[in-house]
């Protein structure tokens, strides 16, 4: 899934047309130092010993010296040839410490993904810092686990976001670990919600899921026939509650947490993706209902 030169050119032109400052609120040296050891790279200006000196001079002291797209063409940074470096660069452009506006980050991510998608890549929100998204590159087709959005404070303060990132990161490389993380994600989410509502916490995952869904309930008051809609939703929730039992069984049979015999093979990532997607579906619903029942205090997340 190589990123073509056509995609690179179109992406650069789009960023230029939008007036996007790739380094955000940081100066170019501060931004690039997050990705490179600039003092370990050579200078193209004989007056300086390292890249840090010539970049500072030609982009900060004399900002008109180099064109907008110099950063994408500089051979030392290798963004024109190395797909991994380019993807990390684009993700870093959206980091909350680089770009404070949540709205701007989300809009820019959408624009970047429109260019990357034909080549099989996307930037995916994997966690949040103070309500602002942090993105990482993922192949198109990898499970898009929706992070718990700003407003579900108790969930964000738990280890949920770390488990989402761990689950996504291991699907292709360590399917067993991804399945284990899918189970832990569901378990942590349910325990956190039940604790917030002062409910008794069952020991096993299937019971945890059932108790959580029972506590959150269903709200069909906006439907033309609320009673009928609620019955249908309850049937759907009954099916979702089975996810807890199934993931626990899959984790026990295939995931981490129980030692496997020495000759056990490597599980196909297809099944890790299935477990992750199922867990994500249920966790997203729980987070949405939790947020609806426990609205947070208003906070700014511009």
Protein backbone atom coordinates (compact mmCIF):
# COMPACT_ATOMS: atom_id res chain seq x y z
CA UNK A 1 0.00 0.00 0.00
CA UNK A 2 2.48 2.59 -1.22
CA UNK A 3 1.57 6.27 -1.25
CA UNK A 4 1.93 7.46 -4.84
CA UNK A 5 3.65 10.62 -5.97
CA UNK A 6 0.29 11.76 -7.34
CA UNK A 7 -1.19 11.57 -3.83
CA UNK A 8 1.77 13.45 -2.37
CA UNK A 9 1.47 16.26 -4.91
CA UNK A 10 -2.31 16.55 -4.49
CA UNK A 11 -1.97 16.56 -0.70
CA UNK A 12 0.66 19.30 -0.71
CA UNK A 13 -1.39 21.45 -3.10
CA UNK A 14 -4.50 21.02 -0.96
CA UNK A 15 -2.64 22.02 2.22
CA UNK A 16 -1.21 25.06 0.42
CA UNK A 17 -4.64 26.06 -0.93
CA UNK A 18 -6.17 25.80 2.53
CA UNK A 19 -3.44 28.00 3.97
CA UNK A 20 -2.54 25.24 6.42
CA UNK A 21 0.55 25.95 8.48
CA UNK A 22 1.99 22.47 8.73
CA UNK A 23 3.89 23.26 11.93
CA UNK A 24 0.78 24.70 13.61
CA UNK A 25 1.46 26.83 16.68
CA UNK A 26 5.10 25.66 16.85
CA UNK A 27 7.98 27.04 14.85
CA UNK A 28 9.39 24.67 12.19
CA UNK A 29 12.35 23.60 14.32
CA UNK A 30 10.15 22.84 17.34
CA UNK A 31 7.77 20.82 15.18
CA UNK A 32 10.39 18.84 13.28
CA UNK A 33 12.29 18.12 16.50
CA UNK A 34 9.29 16.05 17.59
CA UNK A 35 10.00 13.70 14.67
CA UNK A 36 13.73 14.05 13.92
CA UNK A 37 17.06 14.56 15.66
CA UNK A 38 17.84 17.76 13.78
CA UNK A 39 21.26 18.06 15.43
CA UNK A 40 22.08 14.64 13.99
CA UNK A 41 21.20 15.64 10.41
CA UNK A 42 23.63 17.51 8.16
CA UNK A 43 23.26 21.14 7.13
CA UNK A 44 22.80 22.23 3.51
CA UNK A 45 24.22 25.63 4.42
CA UNK A 46 27.98 25.65 5.04
CA UNK A 47 27.56 28.26 7.74
CA UNK A 48 25.98 25.65 10.02
CA UNK A 49 27.02 22.24 11.26
CA UNK A 50 23.57 20.64 11.53
CA UNK A 51 20.07 20.80 10.04
CA UNK A 52 18.78 22.65 13.12
CA UNK A 53 20.87 25.70 12.26
CA UNK A 54 19.98 26.04 8.61
CA UNK A 55 16.28 25.27 9.12
CA UNK A 56 16.04 27.90 11.88
CA UNK A 57 17.77 30.49 9.70
CA UNK A 58 15.78 29.93 6.52
CA UNK A 59 12.32 29.39 8.09
CA UNK A 60 12.37 31.51 11.26
CA UNK A 61 14.96 34.27 10.85
CA UNK A 62 14.24 34.62 7.13
CA UNK A 63 10.87 32.90 6.58
CA UNK A 64 10.67 33.85 2.90
CA UNK A 65 13.90 32.01 2.00
CA UNK A 66 12.31 28.60 1.41
CA UNK A 67 9.02 27.80 -0.34
CA UNK A 68 5.99 26.35 1.44
CA UNK A 69 6.66 22.79 0.29
CA UNK A 70 10.39 22.67 1.12
CA UNK A 71 9.71 20.30 4.03
CA UNK A 72 8.19 17.70 1.69
CA UNK A 73 11.15 17.85 -0.69
CA UNK A 74 14.09 18.01 1.72
CA UNK A 75 16.07 14.77 1.26
CA UNK A 76 17.18 14.77 4.88
CA UNK A 77 13.58 14.45 6.06
CA UNK A 78 12.75 11.88 3.36
CA UNK A 79 9.03 12.67 3.18
CA UNK A 80 9.05 12.32 -0.61
CA UNK A 81 10.10 8.64 -0.49
CA UNK A 82 9.38 7.17 2.93
CA UNK A 83 5.66 6.46 3.46
CA UNK A 84 6.05 5.77 7.17
CA UNK A 85 7.75 9.11 7.76
CA UNK A 86 5.09 10.95 5.75
CA UNK A 87 2.23 9.33 7.66
CA UNK A 88 3.84 10.12 11.02
CA UNK A 89 4.42 13.70 9.85
CA UNK A 90 0.77 14.12 8.87
CA UNK A 91 -0.45 12.63 12.16
CA UNK A 92 1.86 14.93 14.12
CA UNK A 93 0.41 17.93 12.28
CA UNK A 94 -2.87 17.18 14.04
CA UNK A 95 -1.50 16.63 17.55
CA UNK A 96 -3.16 18.81 20.24
CA UNK A 97 0.19 20.34 21.19
CA UNK A 98 0.65 21.41 17.58
CA UNK A 99 -2.91 22.41 16.68
CA UNK A 100 -5.07 23.59 19.59
CA UNK A 101 -8.36 23.79 17.71
CA UNK A 102 -10.27 20.50 17.85
CA UNK A 103 -12.49 21.65 14.97
CA UNK A 104 -9.50 22.45 12.77
CA UNK A 105 -7.83 19.11 13.54
CA UNK A 106 -10.94 17.12 12.64
CA UNK A 107 -11.51 19.05 9.41
CA UNK A 108 -7.87 18.68 8.40
CA UNK A 109 -7.90 14.95 9.19
CA UNK A 110 -10.93 14.52 6.93
CA UNK A 111 -9.19 16.36 4.10
CA UNK A 112 -5.96 14.37 4.49
CA UNK A 113 -7.84 11.07 4.61
CA UNK A 114 -9.60 11.90 1.35
CA UNK A 115 -6.18 11.95 -0.31
CA UNK A 116 -4.76 8.92 1.49
CA UNK A 117 -7.75 6.58 1.08
CA UNK A 118 -7.13 5.56 -2.57
CA UNK A 119 -3.65 4.40 -1.52
CA UNK A 120 -5.04 2.36 1.38
CA UNK A 121 -4.21 4.61 4.35
CA UNK A 122 -6.08 6.75 6.87
CA UNK A 123 -5.41 8.78 10.00
CA UNK A 124 -7.48 7.37 12.87
CA UNK A 125 -8.31 9.05 16.17
CA UNK A 126 -6.95 6.68 18.82
CA UNK A 127 -7.25 8.74 22.01
CA UNK A 128 -7.79 12.25 23.31
CA UNK A 129 -5.83 14.79 25.33
CA UNK A 130 -8.06 17.27 27.14
CA UNK A 131 -10.87 16.57 24.70
CA UNK A 132 -8.69 17.02 21.63
CA UNK A 133 -7.95 14.16 19.23
CA UNK A 134 -4.67 12.31 18.78
CA UNK A 135 -4.31 10.54 15.43
CA UNK A 136 -2.24 7.61 14.20
CA UNK A 137 -1.92 6.14 10.70
CA UNK A 138 -3.77 2.89 10.00
CA UNK A 139 -4.39 0.84 6.86
CA UNK A 140 -7.87 1.28 5.44
CA UNK A 141 -9.93 -1.70 6.57
CA UNK A 142 -8.40 -1.88 10.05
CA UNK A 143 -11.15 -1.60 12.66
CA UNK A 144 -12.05 2.00 13.27
CA UNK A 145 -12.65 1.98 17.01
CA UNK A 146 -14.45 5.16 17.99
CA UNK A 147 -12.67 6.69 20.98
CA UNK A 148 -14.82 7.78 23.90
CA UNK A 149 -15.57 11.39 23.15
CA UNK A 150 -15.33 14.40 25.41
CA UNK A 151 -18.12 14.33 27.93
CA UNK A 152 -17.76 10.80 29.31
CA UNK A 153 -15.25 11.99 31.88
CA UNK A 154 -15.19 8.94 34.14
CA UNK A 155 -14.49 6.70 31.15
CA UNK A 156 -11.74 8.96 29.84
CA UNK A 157 -10.07 8.96 33.23
CA UNK A 158 -10.04 5.17 33.32
CA UNK A 159 -7.59 3.13 31.25
CA UNK A 160 -10.09 2.91 28.38
CA UNK A 161 -8.20 5.05 25.88
CA UNK A 162 -4.98 3.07 26.43
CA UNK A 163 -6.83 -0.19 25.85
CA UNK A 164 -8.34 1.14 22.61
CA UNK A 165 -4.88 2.10 21.34
CA UNK A 166 -3.40 -1.25 22.42
CA UNK A 167 -6.21 -3.19 20.77
CA UNK A 168 -5.88 -1.32 17.47
CA UNK A 169 -2.10 -1.50 17.44
CA UNK A 170 -1.96 -5.29 17.91
CA UNK A 171 -4.62 -6.55 15.50
CA UNK A 172 -2.21 -7.32 12.66
CA UNK A 173 0.99 -7.97 14.62
CA UNK A 174 -0.29 -9.76 17.75
CA UNK A 175 -3.91 -10.91 17.32
CA UNK A 176 -3.94 -12.72 20.67
CA UNK A 177 -2.98 -9.50 22.49
CA UNK A 178 -5.67 -7.58 20.57
CA UNK A 179 -8.33 -10.06 21.66
CA UNK A 180 -7.14 -9.78 25.26
CA UNK A 181 -7.34 -5.98 25.01
CA UNK A 182 -10.86 -6.18 23.51
CA UNK A 183 -12.00 -8.13 26.56
CA UNK A 184 -10.24 -5.76 28.97
CA UNK A 185 -11.73 -2.73 27.20
CA UNK A 186 -15.26 -4.05 27.62
CA UNK A 187 -14.61 -5.07 31.21
CA UNK A 188 -13.13 -1.69 32.21
CA UNK A 189 -15.93 0.24 30.52
CA UNK A 190 -18.68 -1.73 32.26
CA UNK A 191 -17.01 -1.60 35.69
CA UNK A 192 -16.47 2.15 35.40
CA UNK A 193 -20.09 2.83 34.46
CA UNK A 194 -21.54 0.58 37.17
CA UNK A 195 -19.25 2.13 39.78
CA UNK A 196 -20.37 5.63 38.74
CA UNK A 197 -24.01 4.62 39.26
CA UNK A 198 -23.29 2.88 42.57
CA UNK A 199 -24.25 -0.53 41.23
CA UNK A 200 -22.95 -3.91 42.39
CA UNK A 201 -20.19 -5.13 40.07
CA UNK A 202 -20.45 -8.79 38.96
CA UNK A 203 -17.25 -10.82 38.81
CA UNK A 204 -17.56 -12.23 35.28
CA UNK A 205 -17.71 -10.31 32.00
CA UNK A 206 -21.08 -11.69 30.77
CA UNK A 207 -22.73 -10.56 33.98
CA UNK A 208 -20.95 -7.21 33.83
CA UNK A 209 -22.31 -6.52 30.35
CA UNK A 210 -25.87 -7.56 31.22
CA UNK A 211 -25.89 -5.47 34.40
CA UNK A 212 -24.52 -2.43 32.54
CA UNK A 213 -27.05 -2.63 29.71
CA UNK A 214 -29.88 -3.10 32.22
CA UNK A 215 -28.73 -0.01 34.14
CA UNK A 216 -28.42 2.16 31.05
CA UNK A 217 -31.72 0.99 29.58
CA UNK A 218 -33.28 2.14 26.31
CA UNK A 219 -34.92 5.42 25.37
CA UNK A 220 -37.35 5.22 22.46
CA UNK A 221 -39.54 8.20 23.40
CA UNK A 222 -38.80 9.91 20.07
CA UNK A 223 -40.18 7.03 17.99
CA UNK A 224 -43.67 7.15 16.44
CA UNK A 225 -44.59 4.01 18.42
CA UNK A 226 -42.39 4.15 21.56
CA UNK A 227 -43.60 0.88 23.04
CA UNK A 228 -42.93 -1.07 19.87
CA UNK A 229 -39.57 0.65 19.38
CA UNK A 230 -38.52 -0.11 22.94
CA UNK A 231 -39.33 -3.80 22.52
CA UNK A 232 -37.23 -3.88 19.35
CA UNK A 233 -34.36 -2.07 21.05
CA UNK A 234 -34.49 -4.46 23.99
CA UNK A 235 -34.15 -7.40 21.59
CA UNK A 236 -31.15 -5.70 20.02
CA UNK A 237 -29.62 -5.07 23.44
CA UNK A 238 -30.21 -8.72 24.30
CA UNK A 239 -28.18 -9.68 21.24
CA UNK A 240 -25.46 -7.20 22.17
CA UNK A 241 -25.22 -8.61 25.68
CA UNK A 242 -24.12 -11.88 24.10
CA UNK A 243 -20.97 -10.10 22.91
CA UNK A 244 -19.67 -10.17 26.48
CA UNK A 245 -19.98 -13.94 26.74
CA UNK A 246 -18.54 -14.51 23.27
CA UNK A 247 -15.52 -12.25 23.75
CA UNK A 248 -14.77 -13.84 27.12
CA UNK A 249 -14.85 -17.28 25.50
CA UNK A 250 -12.70 -16.22 22.54
CA UNK A 251 -10.20 -14.59 24.87
CA UNK A 252 -9.99 -17.72 27.01
CA UNK A 253 -9.49 -19.90 23.94
CA UNK A 254 -7.28 -17.66 21.82
CA UNK A 255 -6.24 -14.48 23.59
CA UNK A 256 -3.62 -13.49 26.09
CA UNK A 257 -4.15 -14.19 29.76
CA UNK A 258 -4.14 -17.99 29.55
CA UNK A 259 -0.94 -19.80 28.61
CA UNK A 260 -1.12 -21.72 25.33
CA UNK A 261 0.73 -24.93 24.61
CA UNK A 262 4.13 -24.59 22.95
CA UNK A 263 2.96 -25.79 19.54
CA UNK A 264 -0.02 -23.41 19.32
CA UNK A 265 -0.11 -21.54 16.02
CA UNK A 266 -0.59 -17.83 15.40
CA UNK A 267 -4.23 -16.77 15.20
CA UNK A 268 -5.42 -15.14 11.97
CA UNK A 269 -5.84 -11.38 12.45
CA UNK A 270 -9.33 -11.68 10.92
CA UNK A 271 -10.64 -12.97 14.25
CA UNK A 272 -8.86 -10.29 16.25
CA UNK A 273 -10.51 -7.69 14.00
CA UNK A 274 -13.89 -9.34 14.63
CA UNK A 275 -13.42 -9.26 18.41
CA UNK A 276 -12.19 -5.65 18.32
CA UNK A 277 -15.09 -4.48 16.16
CA UNK A 278 -17.65 -6.26 18.34
CA UNK A 279 -16.15 -4.79 21.50
CA UNK A 280 -16.02 -1.32 19.91
CA UNK A 281 -19.69 -1.47 18.93
CA UNK A 282 -20.76 -2.28 22.46
CA UNK A 283 -18.37 0.15 24.15
CA UNK A 284 -19.51 3.00 21.87
CA UNK A 285 -23.17 2.36 22.77
CA UNK A 286 -22.37 2.21 26.49
CA UNK A 287 -20.39 5.46 26.31
CA UNK A 288 -23.19 7.21 24.41
CA UNK A 289 -25.85 6.11 26.89
CA UNK A 290 -23.64 6.93 29.86
CA UNK A 291 -23.08 10.43 28.50
CA UNK A 292 -26.83 10.88 27.91
CA UNK A 293 -27.68 9.88 31.48
CA UNK A 294 -24.77 11.67 33.12
CA UNK A 295 -24.26 14.90 31.13
CA UNK A 296 -20.89 16.50 31.91
CA UNK A 297 -20.26 20.02 33.05
CA UNK A 298 -19.85 22.33 30.04
CA UNK A 299 -16.22 22.62 28.94
CA UNK A 300 -14.56 24.33 26.05
CA UNK A 301 -13.17 22.01 23.37
CA UNK A 302 -12.77 24.39 20.49
